[in-house]
Amino acid sequence: MIKTAIFDFDGTIVESAQLVFDLFNSFADKYKYTRMPQDQSDYIRTITFKERFKKFNVPLVKIPMLTIDIVKKYKEAIPYLEPVEDIQSVLQTLKESGFKLILLSANSKENIEQFLQLNQMEYFDEILTSHRFFGRHLTLNNYIKKEKVARENVIFIGDEHRDIIACRKSNIKIISVTWGYDFEELLSQANPDFIVSKPVEIIDAIQEANR
């Protein structure tokens, strides 16, 4: 039975898509890539990250340092960011039902803790951070090994195509949410276990997975 829910942070818990889009563009000159036009933002959310990086000439070797720069600058905006509507009540319900709640993010632990504290959302038992942009399955595997938890007892909740790929590699179920960074048409291509369009549907999906 699933009793551990691992959540992505940006896009899934917090409304930060525009912020990250703007921060990405702000470092274009430093890392010598092409800015993403605002009028193409919807299109960008229909292609994978690897396709985005190729289209805008982002050097893959520079992604770790770019991610670190974005995370540092992100800190300034935390007081102005909002949680996804109704996500707090979902987290509270899961916590009160005995679930272990984990966060996994490329963001920093400091940024995440500050956001959670400001928004009275300190429901998480642990925060896992990783700057591996395409290696989330390694972080998931390390957590599962460390906690000695059965893979069938874990589910991931995330908003990106790459989350689905990571969960397939880690052999755990995933609930993909449509309110985050990637559009539903892109998420569907990777065949997640569940796709939900409202936070409350996360609870329904977990209940279905446990039947």
N, C-alpha and C. Protein backbone atom coordinates (compact mmCIF):
# COMPACT_ATOMS: atom_id res chain seq x y z
N MET A 1 0.83 -1.21 0.00
CA MET A 1 0.00 0.00 0.00
C MET A 1 0.87 1.25 0.00
N ILE A 2 0.49 2.23 -0.81
CA ILE A 2 1.25 3.48 -0.90
C ILE A 2 1.06 4.29 0.37
N LYS A 3 2.18 4.61 1.02
CA LYS A 3 2.14 5.45 2.21
C LYS A 3 3.22 6.54 2.19
N THR A 4 4.00 6.59 1.08
CA THR A 4 5.00 7.64 0.91
C THR A 4 4.69 8.39 -0.38
N ALA A 5 4.46 9.69 -0.28
CA ALA A 5 4.18 10.53 -1.45
C ALA A 5 5.32 11.52 -1.61
N ILE A 6 6.00 11.43 -2.75
CA ILE A 6 7.12 12.33 -3.04
C ILE A 6 6.64 13.40 -4.02
N PHE A 7 6.69 14.65 -3.61
CA PHE A 7 6.21 15.76 -4.42
C PHE A 7 7.37 16.53 -5.05
N ASP A 8 7.19 16.92 -6.29
CA ASP A 8 8.02 17.95 -6.89
C ASP A 8 7.61 19.28 -6.26
N PHE A 9 8.47 20.28 -6.35
CA PHE A 9 8.20 21.58 -5.72
C PHE A 9 7.71 22.61 -6.74
N ASP A 10 8.61 23.10 -7.59
CA ASP A 10 8.24 24.15 -8.53
C ASP A 10 7.25 23.66 -9.57
N GLY A 11 6.14 24.38 -9.68
CA GLY A 11 5.11 24.01 -10.64
C GLY A 11 4.05 23.09 -10.06
N THR A 12 4.44 22.27 -9.09
CA THR A 12 3.51 21.32 -8.47
C THR A 12 2.94 21.87 -7.17
N ILE A 13 3.82 22.45 -6.34
CA ILE A 13 3.42 23.02 -5.05
C ILE A 13 3.30 24.53 -5.13
N VAL A 14 4.21 25.15 -5.88
CA VAL A 14 4.29 26.61 -5.93
C VAL A 14 4.11 27.10 -7.36
N GLU A 15 3.42 28.23 -7.49
CA GLU A 15 3.21 28.87 -8.79
C GLU A 15 4.47 29.67 -9.16
N SER A 16 5.39 29.01 -9.86
CA SER A 16 6.67 29.67 -10.13
C SER A 16 7.10 29.59 -11.59
N ALA A 17 6.20 29.17 -12.48
CA ALA A 17 6.58 28.97 -13.88
C ALA A 17 7.09 30.25 -14.53
N GLN A 18 6.37 31.34 -14.33
CA GLN A 18 6.80 32.61 -14.95
C GLN A 18 8.12 33.08 -14.37
N LEU A 19 8.29 32.93 -13.07
CA LEU A 19 9.55 33.33 -12.43
C LEU A 19 10.73 32.57 -13.03
N VAL A 20 10.61 31.26 -13.13
CA VAL A 20 11.71 30.45 -13.66
C VAL A 20 11.96 30.78 -15.13
N PHE A 21 10.90 31.03 -15.88
CA PHE A 21 11.02 31.45 -17.28
C PHE A 21 11.84 32.74 -17.37
N ASP A 22 11.50 33.72 -16.54
CA ASP A 22 12.21 35.00 -16.54
C ASP A 22 13.66 34.85 -16.09
N LEU A 23 13.88 34.03 -15.06
CA LEU A 23 15.25 33.82 -14.58
C LEU A 23 16.10 33.11 -15.63
N PHE A 24 15.49 32.15 -16.33
CA PHE A 24 16.21 31.47 -17.42
C PHE A 24 16.69 32.50 -18.44
N ASN A 25 15.83 33.38 -18.85
CA ASN A 25 16.21 34.39 -19.84
C ASN A 25 17.25 35.37 -19.31
N SER A 26 17.22 35.63 -18.01
CA SER A 26 18.15 36.61 -17.43
C SER A 26 19.61 36.14 -17.48
N PHE A 27 19.83 34.84 -17.63
CA PHE A 27 21.20 34.32 -17.67
C PHE A 27 21.64 33.95 -19.09
N ALA A 28 20.86 34.36 -20.10
CA ALA A 28 21.18 34.00 -21.48
C ALA A 28 22.53 34.56 -21.92
N ASP A 29 22.81 35.79 -21.56
CA ASP A 29 24.09 36.38 -21.98
C ASP A 29 25.27 35.71 -21.28
N LYS A 30 25.10 35.43 -20.01
CA LYS A 30 26.20 34.81 -19.25
C LYS A 30 26.57 33.45 -19.81
N TYR A 31 25.56 32.65 -20.18
CA TYR A 31 25.83 31.28 -20.64
C TYR A 31 25.72 31.11 -22.15
N LYS A 32 25.56 32.24 -22.86
CA LYS A 32 25.62 32.25 -24.34
C LYS A 32 24.57 31.36 -24.99
N TYR A 33 23.31 31.54 -24.59
CA TYR A 33 22.22 30.84 -25.28
C TYR A 33 21.14 31.85 -25.67
N THR A 34 20.16 31.40 -26.42
CA THR A 34 19.11 32.27 -26.94
C THR A 34 17.98 32.41 -25.93
N ARG A 35 17.49 33.61 -25.76
CA ARG A 35 16.35 33.82 -24.85
C ARG A 35 15.09 33.17 -25.41
N MET A 36 14.22 32.69 -24.50
CA MET A 36 12.93 32.14 -24.91
C MET A 36 11.93 33.30 -25.05
N PRO A 37 11.34 33.48 -26.22
CA PRO A 37 10.35 34.56 -26.38
C PRO A 37 9.10 34.28 -25.55
N GLN A 38 8.58 35.33 -24.92
CA GLN A 38 7.38 35.16 -24.11
C GLN A 38 6.21 34.65 -24.93
N ASP A 39 6.12 35.08 -26.18
CA ASP A 39 4.98 34.66 -27.01
C ASP A 39 5.07 33.20 -27.45
N GLN A 40 6.19 32.54 -27.12
CA GLN A 40 6.32 31.11 -27.41
C GLN A 40 6.22 30.26 -26.15
N SER A 41 5.82 30.87 -25.05
CA SER A 41 5.83 30.15 -23.77
C SER A 41 4.90 28.94 -23.78
N ASP A 42 3.75 29.05 -24.42
CA ASP A 42 2.84 27.90 -24.49
C ASP A 42 3.44 26.78 -25.33
N TYR A 43 4.02 27.14 -26.45
CA TYR A 43 4.66 26.12 -27.30
C TYR A 43 5.79 25.41 -26.55
N ILE A 44 6.57 26.17 -25.82
CA ILE A 44 7.71 25.61 -25.09
C ILE A 44 7.26 24.53 -24.11
N ARG A 45 6.05 24.69 -23.57
CA ARG A 45 5.53 23.74 -22.58
C ARG A 45 4.98 22.47 -23.24
N THR A 46 5.09 22.38 -24.56
CA THR A 46 4.65 21.17 -25.27
C THR A 46 5.82 20.33 -25.76
N ILE A 47 7.06 20.78 -25.48
CA ILE A 47 8.24 20.02 -25.90
C ILE A 47 9.09 19.71 -24.66
N THR A 48 9.89 18.65 -24.76
CA THR A 48 10.68 18.21 -23.62
C THR A 48 11.81 19.20 -23.32
N PHE A 49 12.40 19.07 -22.13
CA PHE A 49 13.50 19.96 -21.77
C PHE A 49 14.68 19.80 -22.72
N LYS A 50 14.98 18.59 -23.11
CA LYS A 50 16.10 18.40 -24.04
C LYS A 50 15.82 19.11 -25.36
N GLU A 51 14.57 19.05 -25.81
CA GLU A 51 14.20 19.76 -27.04
C GLU A 51 14.27 21.27 -26.85
N ARG A 52 13.89 21.75 -25.68
CA ARG A 52 13.97 23.19 -25.40
C ARG A 52 15.42 23.66 -25.40
N PHE A 53 16.25 22.91 -24.73
CA PHE A 53 17.66 23.30 -24.65
C PHE A 53 18.31 23.30 -26.03
N LYS A 54 17.95 22.33 -26.85
CA LYS A 54 18.50 22.28 -28.21
C LYS A 54 18.00 23.47 -29.03
N LYS A 55 16.71 23.77 -28.93
CA LYS A 55 16.11 24.85 -29.70
C LYS A 55 16.73 26.21 -29.35
N PHE A 56 17.05 26.41 -28.08
CA PHE A 56 17.57 27.70 -27.65
C PHE A 56 19.08 27.67 -27.36
N ASN A 57 19.73 26.62 -27.88
CA ASN A 57 21.21 26.53 -27.87
C ASN A 57 21.82 26.57 -26.47
N VAL A 58 21.16 25.91 -25.54
CA VAL A 58 21.68 25.86 -24.17
C VAL A 58 22.71 24.73 -24.08
N PRO A 59 23.94 25.03 -23.74
CA PRO A 59 24.96 23.98 -23.62
C PRO A 59 24.64 23.06 -22.44
N LEU A 60 24.50 21.77 -22.69
CA LEU A 60 24.13 20.84 -21.62
C LEU A 60 25.13 20.83 -20.48
N VAL A 61 26.41 21.05 -20.81
CA VAL A 61 27.45 21.02 -19.77
C VAL A 61 27.32 22.19 -18.80
N LYS A 62 26.61 23.22 -19.21
CA LYS A 62 26.46 24.41 -18.35
C LYS A 62 25.18 24.38 -17.51
N ILE A 63 24.34 23.38 -17.72
CA ILE A 63 23.06 23.33 -17.00
C ILE A 63 23.23 23.28 -15.48
N PRO A 64 24.18 22.48 -14.94
CA PRO A 64 24.33 22.48 -13.47
C PRO A 64 24.63 23.87 -12.90
N MET A 65 25.55 24.62 -13.54
CA MET A 65 25.89 25.94 -13.03
C MET A 65 24.74 26.93 -13.27
N LEU A 66 24.05 26.78 -14.40
CA LEU A 66 22.89 27.62 -14.66
C LEU A 66 21.81 27.40 -13.59
N THR A 67 21.58 26.13 -13.26
CA THR A 67 20.59 25.81 -12.23
C THR A 67 20.95 26.45 -10.90
N ILE A 68 22.22 26.39 -10.53
CA ILE A 68 22.67 27.00 -9.27
C ILE A 68 22.45 28.51 -9.28
N ASP A 69 22.73 29.16 -10.42
CA ASP A 69 22.53 30.60 -10.52
C ASP A 69 21.05 30.96 -10.39
N ILE A 70 20.20 30.19 -11.05
CA ILE A 70 18.76 30.44 -10.98
C ILE A 70 18.24 30.28 -9.55
N VAL A 71 18.70 29.24 -8.88
CA VAL A 71 18.28 28.98 -7.49
C VAL A 71 18.69 30.13 -6.58
N LYS A 72 19.90 30.67 -6.77
CA LYS A 72 20.36 31.80 -5.93
C LYS A 72 19.48 33.04 -6.15
N LYS A 73 19.16 33.32 -7.40
CA LYS A 73 18.35 34.50 -7.72
C LYS A 73 16.89 34.30 -7.30
N TYR A 74 16.43 33.07 -7.36
CA TYR A 74 15.05 32.69 -7.00
C TYR A 74 14.72 33.16 -5.58
N LYS A 75 15.70 33.12 -4.70
CA LYS A 75 15.49 33.43 -3.29
C LYS A 75 14.84 34.80 -3.09
N GLU A 76 15.18 35.77 -3.95
CA GLU A 76 14.66 37.13 -3.80
C GLU A 76 13.15 37.19 -4.01
N ALA A 77 12.60 36.24 -4.78
CA ALA A 77 11.17 36.28 -5.13
C ALA A 77 10.29 35.47 -4.19
N ILE A 78 10.87 34.72 -3.28
CA ILE A 78 10.09 33.80 -2.45
C ILE A 78 8.93 34.49 -1.70
N PRO A 79 9.12 35.67 -1.12
CA PRO A 79 8.00 36.31 -0.40
C PRO A 79 6.80 36.64 -1.30
N TYR A 80 7.02 36.66 -2.61
CA TYR A 80 5.95 37.05 -3.53
C TYR A 80 5.31 35.86 -4.24
N LEU A 81 5.82 34.66 -4.01
CA LEU A 81 5.28 33.47 -4.67
C LEU A 81 4.06 32.94 -3.93
N GLU A 82 3.16 32.33 -4.69
CA GLU A 82 1.93 31.79 -4.13
C GLU A 82 1.89 30.27 -4.27
N PRO A 83 1.30 29.57 -3.29
CA PRO A 83 1.09 28.13 -3.46
C PRO A 83 0.04 27.87 -4.54
N VAL A 84 0.12 26.72 -5.16
CA VAL A 84 -0.93 26.28 -6.07
C VAL A 84 -2.24 26.23 -5.27
N GLU A 85 -3.31 26.71 -5.86
CA GLU A 85 -4.59 26.76 -5.17
C GLU A 85 -5.03 25.37 -4.72
N ASP A 86 -5.40 25.24 -3.48
CA ASP A 86 -5.93 24.02 -2.85
C ASP A 86 -4.87 22.96 -2.55
N ILE A 87 -3.61 23.22 -2.89
CA ILE A 87 -2.59 22.18 -2.63
C ILE A 87 -2.34 22.03 -1.13
N GLN A 88 -2.50 23.11 -0.38
CA GLN A 88 -2.25 23.03 1.06
C GLN A 88 -3.22 22.07 1.74
N SER A 89 -4.49 22.13 1.38
CA SER A 89 -5.48 21.24 2.01
C SER A 89 -5.22 19.79 1.64
N VAL A 90 -4.72 19.56 0.42
CA VAL A 90 -4.38 18.20 0.00
C VAL A 90 -3.22 17.66 0.84
N LEU A 91 -2.20 18.48 1.03
CA LEU A 91 -1.05 18.06 1.85
C LEU A 91 -1.49 17.78 3.29
N GLN A 92 -2.33 18.64 3.81
CA GLN A 92 -2.81 18.45 5.18
C GLN A 92 -3.61 17.15 5.32
N THR A 93 -4.47 16.88 4.33
CA THR A 93 -5.26 15.65 4.35
C THR A 93 -4.37 14.42 4.32
N LEU A 94 -3.38 14.44 3.44
CA LEU A 94 -2.46 13.30 3.35
C LEU A 94 -1.68 13.11 4.64
N LYS A 95 -1.21 14.21 5.21
CA LYS A 95 -0.45 14.14 6.45
C LYS A 95 -1.30 13.56 7.57
N GLU A 96 -2.53 14.06 7.68
CA GLU A 96 -3.42 13.58 8.74
C GLU A 96 -3.84 12.14 8.53
N SER A 97 -3.72 11.65 7.28
CA SER A 97 -4.06 10.26 6.97
C SER A 97 -2.87 9.31 7.17
N GLY A 98 -1.75 9.86 7.64
CA GLY A 98 -0.60 9.01 7.97
C GLY A 98 0.43 8.86 6.88
N PHE A 99 0.34 9.65 5.82
CA PHE A 99 1.32 9.56 4.75
C PHE A 99 2.63 10.23 5.15
N LYS A 100 3.72 9.64 4.67
CA LYS A 100 5.01 10.30 4.77
C LYS A 100 5.16 11.17 3.54
N LEU A 101 5.40 12.47 3.74
CA LEU A 101 5.48 13.41 2.63
C LEU A 101 6.92 13.87 2.43
N ILE A 102 7.39 13.76 1.20
CA ILE A 102 8.76 14.10 0.83
C ILE A 102 8.72 15.11 -0.30
N LEU A 103 9.67 16.04 -0.31
CA LEU A 103 9.84 16.96 -1.43
C LEU A 103 11.13 16.64 -2.17
N LEU A 104 11.08 16.66 -3.50
CA LEU A 104 12.27 16.46 -4.32
C LEU A 104 12.35 17.62 -5.30
N SER A 105 13.49 18.31 -5.32
CA SER A 105 13.59 19.51 -6.15
C SER A 105 15.03 19.83 -6.50
N ALA A 106 15.19 20.55 -7.62
CA ALA A 106 16.49 21.12 -7.97
C ALA A 106 16.69 22.45 -7.26
N ASN A 107 15.64 22.94 -6.64
CA ASN A 107 15.74 24.16 -5.85
C ASN A 107 16.53 23.88 -4.57
N SER A 108 16.88 24.92 -3.85
CA SER A 108 17.67 24.72 -2.63
C SER A 108 16.76 24.43 -1.44
N LYS A 109 17.31 23.72 -0.48
CA LYS A 109 16.56 23.42 0.75
C LYS A 109 16.19 24.71 1.47
N GLU A 110 17.10 25.68 1.45
CA GLU A 110 16.84 26.96 2.10
C GLU A 110 15.65 27.67 1.47
N ASN A 111 15.60 27.71 0.14
CA ASN A 111 14.48 28.37 -0.55
C ASN A 111 13.16 27.67 -0.24
N ILE A 112 13.18 26.35 -0.30
CA ILE A 112 11.96 25.58 -0.07
C ILE A 112 11.46 25.77 1.36
N GLU A 113 12.35 25.66 2.32
CA GLU A 113 11.95 25.81 3.72
C GLU A 113 11.38 27.20 3.98
N GLN A 114 11.98 28.23 3.37
CA GLN A 114 11.47 29.58 3.56
C GLN A 114 10.06 29.72 3.00
N PHE A 115 9.83 29.17 1.79
CA PHE A 115 8.50 29.24 1.19
C PHE A 115 7.48 28.50 2.04
N LEU A 116 7.82 27.30 2.47
CA LEU A 116 6.88 26.50 3.28
C LEU A 116 6.54 27.20 4.58
N GLN A 117 7.53 27.81 5.21
CA GLN A 117 7.30 28.50 6.47
C GLN A 117 6.41 29.73 6.27
N LEU A 118 6.68 30.50 5.23
CA LEU A 118 5.89 31.70 4.97
C LEU A 118 4.43 31.38 4.67
N ASN A 119 4.19 30.18 4.14
CA ASN A 119 2.83 29.82 3.74
C ASN A 119 2.19 28.76 4.64
N GLN A 120 2.78 28.56 5.82
CA GLN A 120 2.25 27.59 6.79
C GLN A 120 1.99 26.23 6.14
N MET A 121 3.01 25.71 5.45
CA MET A 121 2.88 24.45 4.73
C MET A 121 3.99 23.46 5.12
N GLU A 122 4.32 23.45 6.40
CA GLU A 122 5.43 22.61 6.86
C GLU A 122 4.96 21.19 7.16
N TYR A 123 4.50 20.51 6.11
CA TYR A 123 3.96 19.17 6.25
C TYR A 123 4.97 18.08 5.88
N PHE A 124 6.13 18.46 5.38
CA PHE A 124 7.03 17.48 4.79
C PHE A 124 8.02 16.90 5.79
N ASP A 125 8.22 15.60 5.68
CA ASP A 125 9.14 14.90 6.58
C ASP A 125 10.59 15.07 6.15
N GLU A 126 10.81 15.30 4.86
CA GLU A 126 12.17 15.42 4.36
C GLU A 126 12.16 16.18 3.04
N ILE A 127 13.24 16.92 2.80
CA ILE A 127 13.42 17.63 1.53
C ILE A 127 14.66 17.08 0.86
N LEU A 128 14.50 16.54 -0.35
CA LEU A 128 15.60 16.00 -1.12
C LEU A 128 15.94 16.99 -2.23
N THR A 129 17.19 17.39 -2.32
CA THR A 129 17.59 18.32 -3.39
C THR A 129 18.64 17.67 -4.28
N SER A 130 18.58 18.00 -5.55
CA SER A 130 19.52 17.46 -6.51
C SER A 130 19.63 18.39 -7.70
N HIS A 131 20.86 18.67 -8.13
CA HIS A 131 21.07 19.50 -9.31
C HIS A 131 21.23 18.65 -10.57
N ARG A 132 20.95 17.33 -10.44
CA ARG A 132 20.95 16.47 -11.63
C ARG A 132 19.69 16.76 -12.43
N PHE A 133 19.84 17.43 -13.56
CA PHE A 133 18.65 17.85 -14.29
C PHE A 133 17.94 16.67 -14.92
N PHE A 134 18.70 15.69 -15.40
CA PHE A 134 18.09 14.53 -16.04
C PHE A 134 18.38 13.25 -15.26
N GLY A 135 18.67 13.38 -13.97
CA GLY A 135 19.00 12.19 -13.19
C GLY A 135 18.19 12.06 -11.91
N ARG A 136 16.94 12.47 -11.97
CA ARG A 136 16.12 12.40 -10.76
C ARG A 136 15.93 10.97 -10.28
N HIS A 137 15.98 10.02 -11.20
CA HIS A 137 15.81 8.62 -10.79
C HIS A 137 16.92 8.19 -9.83
N LEU A 138 18.10 8.79 -9.95
CA LEU A 138 19.20 8.44 -9.05
C LEU A 138 18.90 8.92 -7.63
N THR A 139 18.34 10.12 -7.52
CA THR A 139 17.95 10.63 -6.20
C THR A 139 16.82 9.80 -5.61
N LEU A 140 15.85 9.44 -6.45
CA LEU A 140 14.76 8.59 -5.99
C LEU A 140 15.29 7.24 -5.51
N ASN A 141 16.17 6.65 -6.30
CA ASN A 141 16.73 5.34 -5.93
C ASN A 141 17.51 5.41 -4.63
N ASN A 142 18.27 6.47 -4.45
CA ASN A 142 19.04 6.64 -3.21
C ASN A 142 18.13 6.75 -2.00
N TYR A 143 17.03 7.49 -2.16
CA TYR A 143 16.08 7.63 -1.06
C TYR A 143 15.43 6.29 -0.72
N ILE A 144 14.99 5.58 -1.73
CA ILE A 144 14.33 4.28 -1.53
C ILE A 144 15.29 3.29 -0.84
N LYS A 145 16.54 3.32 -1.27
CA LYS A 145 17.54 2.42 -0.67
C LYS A 145 17.82 2.81 0.78
N LYS A 146 17.96 4.11 1.02
CA LYS A 146 18.27 4.59 2.37
C LYS A 146 17.15 4.28 3.36
N GLU A 147 15.91 4.48 2.91
CA GLU A 147 14.75 4.29 3.79
C GLU A 147 14.25 2.85 3.82
N LYS A 148 14.80 2.03 2.92
CA LYS A 148 14.40 0.61 2.82
C LYS A 148 12.89 0.47 2.64
N VAL A 149 12.35 1.32 1.76
CA VAL A 149 10.91 1.31 1.49
C VAL A 149 10.67 0.57 0.17
N ALA A 150 9.61 -0.22 0.12
CA ALA A 150 9.27 -0.95 -1.10
C ALA A 150 8.81 0.03 -2.17
N ARG A 151 9.24 -0.20 -3.40
CA ARG A 151 8.90 0.72 -4.49
C ARG A 151 7.41 0.81 -4.74
N GLU A 152 6.70 -0.28 -4.51
CA GLU A 152 5.25 -0.26 -4.72
C GLU A 152 4.52 0.56 -3.65
N ASN A 153 5.25 0.97 -2.61
CA ASN A 153 4.64 1.77 -1.54
C ASN A 153 4.94 3.26 -1.68
N VAL A 154 5.52 3.63 -2.84
CA VAL A 154 5.92 5.02 -3.09
C VAL A 154 5.21 5.54 -4.34
N ILE A 155 4.79 6.79 -4.30
CA ILE A 155 4.24 7.44 -5.49
C ILE A 155 4.82 8.84 -5.60
N PHE A 156 5.04 9.28 -6.83
CA PHE A 156 5.61 10.60 -7.09
C PHE A 156 4.53 11.49 -7.69
N ILE A 157 4.55 12.77 -7.31
CA ILE A 157 3.61 13.74 -7.87
C ILE A 157 4.41 14.87 -8.48
N GLY A 158 4.31 15.03 -9.81
CA GLY A 158 5.10 16.04 -10.48
C GLY A 158 4.43 16.59 -11.72
N ASP A 159 5.03 17.64 -12.26
CA ASP A 159 4.38 18.38 -13.36
C ASP A 159 5.15 18.31 -14.68
N GLU A 160 6.23 17.51 -14.72
CA GLU A 160 7.07 17.53 -15.92
C GLU A 160 7.23 16.16 -16.56
N HIS A 161 7.46 16.20 -17.86
CA HIS A 161 7.72 15.00 -18.65
C HIS A 161 8.90 14.21 -18.08
N ARG A 162 9.95 14.93 -17.68
CA ARG A 162 11.15 14.25 -17.16
C ARG A 162 10.87 13.52 -15.85
N ASP A 163 9.86 13.97 -15.10
CA ASP A 163 9.47 13.26 -13.87
C ASP A 163 8.96 11.86 -14.20
N ILE A 164 8.19 11.77 -15.26
CA ILE A 164 7.63 10.46 -15.68
C ILE A 164 8.76 9.52 -16.08
N ILE A 165 9.71 10.04 -16.84
CA ILE A 165 10.86 9.22 -17.27
C ILE A 165 11.64 8.73 -16.05
N ALA A 166 11.85 9.62 -15.08
CA ALA A 166 12.58 9.24 -13.87
C ALA A 166 11.85 8.16 -13.09
N CYS A 167 10.53 8.28 -12.98
CA CYS A 167 9.75 7.30 -12.23
C CYS A 167 9.73 5.95 -12.94
N ARG A 168 9.71 5.96 -14.24
CA ARG A 168 9.79 4.70 -14.99
C ARG A 168 11.13 4.00 -14.71
N LYS A 169 12.20 4.79 -14.68
CA LYS A 169 13.53 4.22 -14.41
C LYS A 169 13.63 3.71 -12.98
N SER A 170 12.91 4.34 -12.07
CA SER A 170 12.94 3.93 -10.66
C SER A 170 11.86 2.92 -10.32
N ASN A 171 10.99 2.63 -11.29
CA ASN A 171 9.92 1.64 -11.11
C ASN A 171 8.98 2.02 -9.97
N ILE A 172 8.58 3.30 -9.97
CA ILE A 172 7.56 3.74 -9.03
C ILE A 172 6.44 4.43 -9.80
N LYS A 173 5.26 4.47 -9.21
CA LYS A 173 4.12 5.10 -9.85
C LYS A 173 4.23 6.63 -9.80
N ILE A 174 3.56 7.27 -10.75
CA ILE A 174 3.58 8.73 -10.80
C ILE A 174 2.19 9.29 -11.11
N ILE A 175 1.89 10.38 -10.43
CA ILE A 175 0.72 11.20 -10.74
C ILE A 175 1.23 12.47 -11.40
N SER A 176 0.87 12.69 -12.66
CA SER A 176 1.28 13.91 -13.36
C SER A 176 0.18 14.95 -13.22
N VAL A 177 0.58 16.19 -12.90
CA VAL A 177 -0.38 17.28 -12.72
C VAL A 177 -0.29 18.24 -13.90
N THR A 178 -1.43 18.78 -14.31
CA THR A 178 -1.48 19.58 -15.53
C THR A 178 -1.38 21.08 -15.28
N TRP A 179 -1.25 21.50 -14.02
CA TRP A 179 -1.23 22.94 -13.73
C TRP A 179 0.20 23.49 -13.65
N GLY A 180 1.20 22.67 -13.91
CA GLY A 180 2.58 23.09 -13.75
C GLY A 180 3.27 23.52 -15.03
N TYR A 181 4.52 23.10 -15.20
CA TYR A 181 5.34 23.58 -16.31
C TYR A 181 4.96 22.96 -17.65
N ASP A 182 4.71 21.64 -17.68
CA ASP A 182 4.46 20.95 -18.94
C ASP A 182 2.97 20.77 -19.20
N PHE A 183 2.57 20.98 -20.46
CA PHE A 183 1.17 20.82 -20.83
C PHE A 183 0.78 19.34 -20.86
N GLU A 184 -0.50 19.11 -20.75
CA GLU A 184 -1.02 17.74 -20.68
C GLU A 184 -0.64 16.91 -21.90
N GLU A 185 -0.62 17.52 -23.09
CA GLU A 185 -0.29 16.75 -24.30
C GLU A 185 1.12 16.18 -24.24
N LEU A 186 2.04 16.92 -23.62
CA LEU A 186 3.42 16.42 -23.47
C LEU A 186 3.47 15.34 -22.39
N LEU A 187 2.78 15.55 -21.28
CA LEU A 187 2.76 14.56 -20.21
C LEU A 187 2.17 13.24 -20.71
N SER A 188 1.12 13.33 -21.49
CA SER A 188 0.43 12.12 -21.97
C SER A 188 1.34 11.26 -22.84
N GLN A 189 2.27 11.88 -23.54
CA GLN A 189 3.16 11.13 -24.42
C GLN A 189 4.01 10.11 -23.66
N ALA A 190 4.26 10.39 -22.37
CA ALA A 190 5.11 9.50 -21.57
C ALA A 190 4.30 8.51 -20.74
N ASN A 191 2.97 8.54 -20.88
CA ASN A 191 2.08 7.56 -20.24
C ASN A 191 2.27 7.45 -18.72
N PRO A 192 1.98 8.53 -17.99
CA PRO A 192 2.04 8.43 -16.52
C PRO A 192 0.92 7.52 -16.02
N ASP A 193 1.02 7.08 -14.78
CA ASP A 193 -0.02 6.22 -14.21
C ASP A 193 -1.33 6.98 -14.05
N PHE A 194 -1.23 8.26 -13.69
CA PHE A 194 -2.41 9.10 -13.51
C PHE A 194 -2.11 10.51 -14.01
N ILE A 195 -3.12 11.17 -14.56
CA ILE A 195 -3.03 12.59 -14.88
C ILE A 195 -4.18 13.29 -14.17
N VAL A 196 -3.86 14.35 -13.42
CA VAL A 196 -4.91 15.08 -12.69
C VAL A 196 -4.85 16.55 -13.06
N SER A 197 -6.02 17.19 -13.03
CA SER A 197 -6.09 18.61 -13.40
C SER A 197 -6.41 19.51 -12.21
N LYS A 198 -6.70 18.90 -11.04
CA LYS A 198 -6.95 19.67 -9.82
C LYS A 198 -6.26 18.97 -8.65
N PRO A 199 -5.72 19.74 -7.70
CA PRO A 199 -5.02 19.13 -6.57
C PRO A 199 -5.82 18.07 -5.83
N VAL A 200 -7.13 18.29 -5.63
CA VAL A 200 -7.94 17.32 -4.88
C VAL A 200 -7.92 15.95 -5.55
N GLU A 201 -7.70 15.92 -6.86
CA GLU A 201 -7.68 14.66 -7.59
C GLU A 201 -6.45 13.81 -7.26
N ILE A 202 -5.45 14.43 -6.63
CA ILE A 202 -4.28 13.66 -6.18
C ILE A 202 -4.72 12.60 -5.17
N ILE A 203 -5.58 13.00 -4.25
CA ILE A 203 -6.06 12.06 -3.24
C ILE A 203 -6.84 10.93 -3.89
N ASP A 204 -7.68 11.26 -4.85
CA ASP A 204 -8.45 10.23 -5.56
C ASP A 204 -7.53 9.25 -6.28
N ALA A 205 -6.47 9.78 -6.91
CA ALA A 205 -5.54 8.94 -7.65
C ALA A 205 -4.79 7.99 -6.72
N ILE A 206 -4.37 8.48 -5.57
CA ILE A 206 -3.67 7.62 -4.60
C ILE A 206 -4.60 6.53 -4.08
N GLN A 207 -5.85 6.89 -3.82
CA GLN A 207 -6.83 5.89 -3.37
C GLN A 207 -7.04 4.82 -4.43
N GLU A 208 -7.09 5.25 -5.69
CA GLU A 208 -7.24 4.29 -6.77
C GLU A 208 -6.02 3.38 -6.88
N ALA A 209 -4.84 3.95 -6.73
CA ALA A 209 -3.61 3.17 -6.80
C ALA A 209 -3.54 2.14 -5.67
N ASN A 210 -4.18 2.44 -4.55
CA ASN A 210 -4.15 1.55 -3.39
C ASN A 210 -5.24 0.49 -3.40
N ARG A 211 -6.14 0.55 -4.39
CA ARG A 211 -7.21 -0.45 -4.43
C ARG A 211 -6.68 -1.80 -4.86
